[in-house]
Protein backbone atom coordinates (compact mmCIF):
# COMPACT_ATOMS: atom_id res chain seq x y z
CA MET A 1 132.93 123.76 90.87
CA SER A 2 130.90 121.39 93.01
CA VAL A 3 127.86 119.51 91.77
CA LEU A 4 124.60 120.86 93.21
CA ALA A 5 122.12 118.53 91.52
CA VAL A 6 121.92 115.27 89.63
CA ILE A 7 118.89 114.93 87.36
CA PHE A 8 117.90 111.51 86.08
CA ASP A 9 115.90 110.19 83.17
CA TRP A 10 113.36 107.61 84.32
CA GLY A 11 112.57 104.82 81.84
CA GLY A 12 115.72 102.91 80.89
CA THR A 13 117.77 104.77 83.48
CA LEU A 14 116.25 104.73 86.96
CA THR A 15 114.03 101.89 85.78
CA PRO A 16 115.85 99.15 83.84
CA TRP A 17 114.88 98.82 80.20
CA HIS A 18 112.36 96.12 79.32
CA THR A 19 111.64 95.29 75.71
CA ILE A 20 107.91 94.79 75.23
CA GLU A 21 105.51 94.54 72.34
CA ALA A 22 104.04 98.04 72.20
CA ALA A 23 100.73 96.69 70.93
CA ASP A 24 100.22 94.59 74.06
CA GLN A 25 99.71 97.58 76.37
CA TRP A 26 96.82 98.81 74.24
CA ALA A 27 95.37 95.35 73.83
CA ALA A 28 95.18 95.18 77.63
CA PHE A 29 93.28 98.49 77.64
CA ALA A 30 90.95 97.61 74.77
CA ARG A 31 90.05 94.13 76.04
CA VAL A 32 88.50 95.75 79.11
CA ALA A 33 87.03 98.78 77.37
CA HIS A 34 85.30 96.50 74.81
CA ALA A 35 84.96 93.35 76.88
CA ASP A 36 81.80 92.26 75.07
CA ARG A 37 83.00 93.16 71.56
CA PRO A 38 86.32 91.45 70.67
CA THR A 39 86.39 92.84 67.13
CA ASP A 40 85.95 96.38 68.41
CA ALA A 41 88.70 95.73 70.95
CA GLU A 42 91.17 94.73 68.23
CA GLU A 43 90.32 97.78 66.15
CA ALA A 44 90.58 100.12 69.14
CA ALA A 45 93.95 98.67 70.16
CA ALA A 46 95.29 99.23 66.64
CA ARG A 47 94.10 102.85 66.64
CA LEU A 48 95.61 103.47 70.07
CA LEU A 49 98.97 102.05 69.00
CA ALA A 50 98.97 104.22 65.86
CA ALA A 51 98.08 107.30 67.92
CA GLU A 52 100.86 106.61 70.41
CA LEU A 53 103.40 106.18 67.61
CA ARG A 54 102.38 109.60 66.25
CA VAL A 55 102.94 111.06 69.71
CA TRP A 56 106.48 109.72 69.87
CA GLU A 57 107.16 110.88 66.32
CA ALA A 58 106.12 114.39 67.36
CA SER A 59 108.38 114.12 70.38
CA ARG A 60 111.29 113.01 68.22
CA ASP A 61 110.79 115.54 65.43
CA HIS A 62 109.28 118.56 67.19
CA HIS A 63 110.00 117.93 70.91
CA SER A 64 106.32 118.43 71.66
CA SER A 65 104.58 116.62 74.49
CA ALA A 66 101.31 114.74 74.93
CA ARG A 67 99.22 113.13 77.65
CA PHE A 68 97.60 109.74 77.98
CA ALA A 69 94.24 111.40 77.37
CA ASP A 70 95.55 112.87 74.12
CA VAL A 71 96.36 109.40 72.83
CA LEU A 72 92.85 108.21 73.63
CA ALA A 73 91.30 111.24 71.96
CA ALA A 74 93.46 110.90 68.85
CA ALA A 75 92.39 107.26 68.55
CA GLY A 76 88.72 108.11 69.03
CA VAL A 77 88.57 106.06 72.22
CA ASP A 78 86.63 107.19 75.28
CA PRO A 79 88.25 107.26 78.72
CA HIS A 80 87.53 104.10 80.70
CA GLU A 81 88.63 103.78 84.30
CA ALA A 82 88.77 99.99 84.45
CA ALA A 83 90.57 99.82 81.09
CA GLU A 84 93.17 102.34 82.28
CA LEU A 85 93.69 100.21 85.38
CA ALA A 86 94.31 97.19 83.13
CA TYR A 87 96.81 99.25 81.13
CA ARG A 88 98.63 100.23 84.30
CA GLU A 89 98.63 96.66 85.55
CA PHE A 90 100.24 95.62 82.27
CA TRP A 91 103.05 98.08 82.95
CA ASP A 92 103.55 97.44 86.66
CA PRO A 93 106.15 94.64 86.30
CA HIS A 94 108.22 96.89 84.04
CA THR A 95 108.39 99.92 86.35
CA PHE A 96 110.47 98.78 89.32
CA ILE A 97 113.56 100.88 89.93
CA ASP A 98 117.11 99.66 89.50
CA PRO A 99 118.42 98.08 92.74
CA ASP A 100 121.26 100.66 92.82
CA VAL A 101 118.87 103.61 93.12
CA PRO A 102 118.01 103.74 96.85
CA ASP A 103 121.64 103.67 98.00
CA LEU A 104 122.70 106.08 95.24
CA PHE A 105 119.97 108.58 96.11
CA ALA A 106 120.79 108.35 99.81
CA ALA A 107 124.50 108.89 99.14
CA LEU A 108 123.80 111.94 96.96
CA ARG A 109 121.54 113.37 99.64
CA ASP A 110 124.27 112.76 102.27
CA ARG A 111 126.55 114.94 100.14
CA GLY A 112 123.98 117.73 100.03
CA ILE A 113 123.29 117.12 96.33
CA LYS A 114 119.75 117.59 95.09
CA ILE A 115 118.02 114.89 93.07
CA GLY A 116 115.80 115.56 90.08
CA VAL A 117 113.89 113.57 87.48
CA LEU A 118 113.07 114.51 83.89
CA SER A 119 111.05 111.96 81.94
CA ASN A 120 109.55 111.94 78.46
CA THR A 121 106.20 110.42 79.29
CA ILE A 122 102.49 110.45 78.53
CA TRP A 123 101.74 109.26 82.08
CA ASP A 124 100.64 111.70 84.75
CA ARG A 125 102.59 112.82 87.80
CA ALA A 126 100.42 110.85 90.22
CA TRP A 127 101.26 107.56 88.53
CA HIS A 128 105.01 108.26 88.51
CA GLU A 129 104.94 109.34 92.14
CA ALA A 130 103.03 106.20 93.09
CA ILE A 131 105.77 104.15 91.44
CA PHE A 132 108.52 105.98 93.33
CA GLU A 133 106.54 105.73 96.56
CA ARG A 134 106.07 101.98 96.07
CA ASP A 135 109.83 101.62 95.58
CA GLY A 136 110.68 103.72 98.63
CA VAL A 137 112.47 106.68 97.02
CA LEU A 138 109.84 109.37 96.45
CA HIS A 139 110.92 111.24 99.60
CA LEU A 140 114.48 111.48 98.22
CA ILE A 141 113.48 113.33 95.03
CA ASP A 142 113.72 117.13 95.29
CA GLY A 143 111.93 117.94 92.06
CA ALA A 144 110.59 116.21 88.97
CA VAL A 145 109.28 117.19 85.56
CA TYR A 146 107.09 114.82 83.60
CA THR A 147 106.61 115.99 80.04
CA SER A 148 102.91 115.11 80.17
CA GLU A 149 102.49 118.36 82.12
CA VAL A 150 104.77 120.72 80.16
CA PRO A 151 104.79 121.67 76.44
CA TRP A 152 108.18 120.15 75.60
CA THR A 153 110.00 116.85 75.58
CA LYS A 154 113.71 116.16 75.70
CA PRO A 155 115.96 117.24 74.07
CA HIS A 156 114.22 120.66 74.02
CA PRO A 157 116.26 123.00 76.24
CA GLU A 158 113.18 124.23 78.09
CA ALA A 159 112.51 120.72 79.37
CA PHE A 160 115.95 120.66 80.98
CA ARG A 161 115.56 124.18 82.36
CA ALA A 162 112.21 123.18 83.86
CA ALA A 163 113.88 120.20 85.54
CA MET A 164 116.60 122.42 86.99
CA ALA A 165 113.96 124.81 88.33
CA ALA A 166 112.03 121.91 89.86
CA ALA A 167 115.18 120.75 91.64
CA GLY A 168 115.94 124.30 92.79
CA VAL A 169 119.17 124.84 90.85
CA GLU A 170 119.91 127.69 88.45
CA ASP A 171 123.42 126.99 87.10
CA PRO A 172 123.50 124.17 84.53
CA ALA A 173 127.27 123.88 84.94
CA ARG A 174 126.62 122.58 88.45
CA CYS A 175 124.13 119.95 87.29
CA VAL A 176 124.72 116.43 86.04
CA PHE A 177 122.16 114.69 83.83
CA VAL A 178 122.06 110.90 83.70
CA GLY A 179 120.24 109.13 80.88
CA ASP A 180 120.24 106.20 78.49
CA ARG A 181 119.60 107.95 75.15
CA PRO A 182 122.23 109.90 73.22
CA PHE A 183 119.69 112.12 71.43
CA ASP A 184 117.04 112.81 74.05
CA ASP A 185 119.26 112.84 77.13
CA ILE A 186 122.89 113.49 76.31
CA SER A 187 122.54 116.01 73.47
CA GLY A 188 119.83 117.89 75.34
CA ALA A 189 121.79 118.12 78.57
CA ARG A 190 125.03 119.14 76.87
CA ALA A 191 123.22 121.82 74.86
CA VAL A 192 122.10 123.63 78.01
CA GLY A 193 125.51 123.36 79.67
CA MET A 194 125.07 120.35 81.95
CA ARG A 195 127.48 117.50 82.36
CA ALA A 196 125.95 114.39 80.85
CA VAL A 197 126.45 110.75 81.83
CA LEU A 198 125.29 107.97 79.52
CA VAL A 199 124.01 104.66 80.87
CA PRO A 200 123.65 102.69 77.61
CA HIS A 201 121.07 100.16 78.76
CA SER A 202 118.16 100.64 76.38
CA GLU A 203 117.30 98.98 73.11
CA ILE A 204 115.93 102.16 71.58
CA PRO A 205 113.11 101.41 69.11
CA PRO A 206 114.21 102.20 65.54
CA ALA A 207 111.45 104.79 65.10
CA GLN A 208 112.80 106.71 68.11
CA GLN A 209 116.45 106.64 67.09
CA VAL A 210 118.07 109.86 65.89
CA PRO A 211 121.70 109.90 64.75
CA VAL A 212 123.51 112.54 66.76
CA ASP A 213 127.16 113.50 67.09
CA VAL A 214 127.41 113.99 70.83
CA HIS A 215 129.92 112.89 73.41
CA PRO A 216 128.90 112.33 77.03
CA ASP A 217 131.18 113.46 79.82
CA ALA A 218 131.20 109.86 81.03
CA VAL A 219 129.73 106.44 80.28
CA ILE A 220 128.87 104.08 83.13
CA ASP A 221 127.72 100.47 83.22
CA ARG A 222 125.85 100.68 86.54
CA LEU A 223 124.16 103.54 88.32
CA ARG A 224 126.30 102.90 91.38
CA ASP A 225 129.31 103.91 89.28
CA LEU A 226 127.97 107.48 89.17
CA LEU A 227 128.99 108.40 92.71
CA PRO A 228 132.79 108.39 92.16
CA LEU A 229 132.29 110.66 89.14
CA VAL A 230 130.21 113.12 91.13
CA ASP A 231 132.82 113.10 93.89
CA THR A 232 135.57 113.79 91.37
CA TRP A 233 133.65 116.66 89.77
CA SER A 234 132.90 118.13 93.20
CA ALA A 235 136.48 117.89 94.52
CA PRO A 236 138.34 121.18 95.06
CA ARG A 237 140.79 122.08 92.30
């Protein structure tokens, strides 16, 4: 049975994993939001970090989603356009796609295979699309689901079904999911009937780790190694 769609995780998969200090992103935000009050900036950054950690705990334990604005509200911090720009500028160097992606996407498209994205994220669609546009691949993506705009996060089955719908595919057996996390990506994809390919690149933070007994259909070291697998799975039997 030929493959109709390949759906990718974003952070740690399409974008190589970067280990950062989580507090630094919020310090960048708070330094601008409270530019004239350094003590307030430190306190706000600490509250924002704690609020974000609660968001990821809810994602891990209950597969529930949140938005960037929800983190601010939970921390008691007002929206601030210039501070959000500083936050995004902090992240910009860590968002460039893997060099294998443009050629891989083009090769999948040449085979008539649809390309999807499913990302656990608090960031909005516009920011993700700006990243893909900057890196020259937005036009190659058939459909994407960012959990900031749906109720669920991976590994909830509805998140994967939403990604299939966005890519225009109904049969999970004809979909391949590619991700870097055994719990979020591989167990979720296998549970809905997709093939699952693990790219074990990420240093998953301890608080986000969940022991899970799951076996991917394949493990690859580089994204470019995916294409021979897809060709094999699509070959007539």
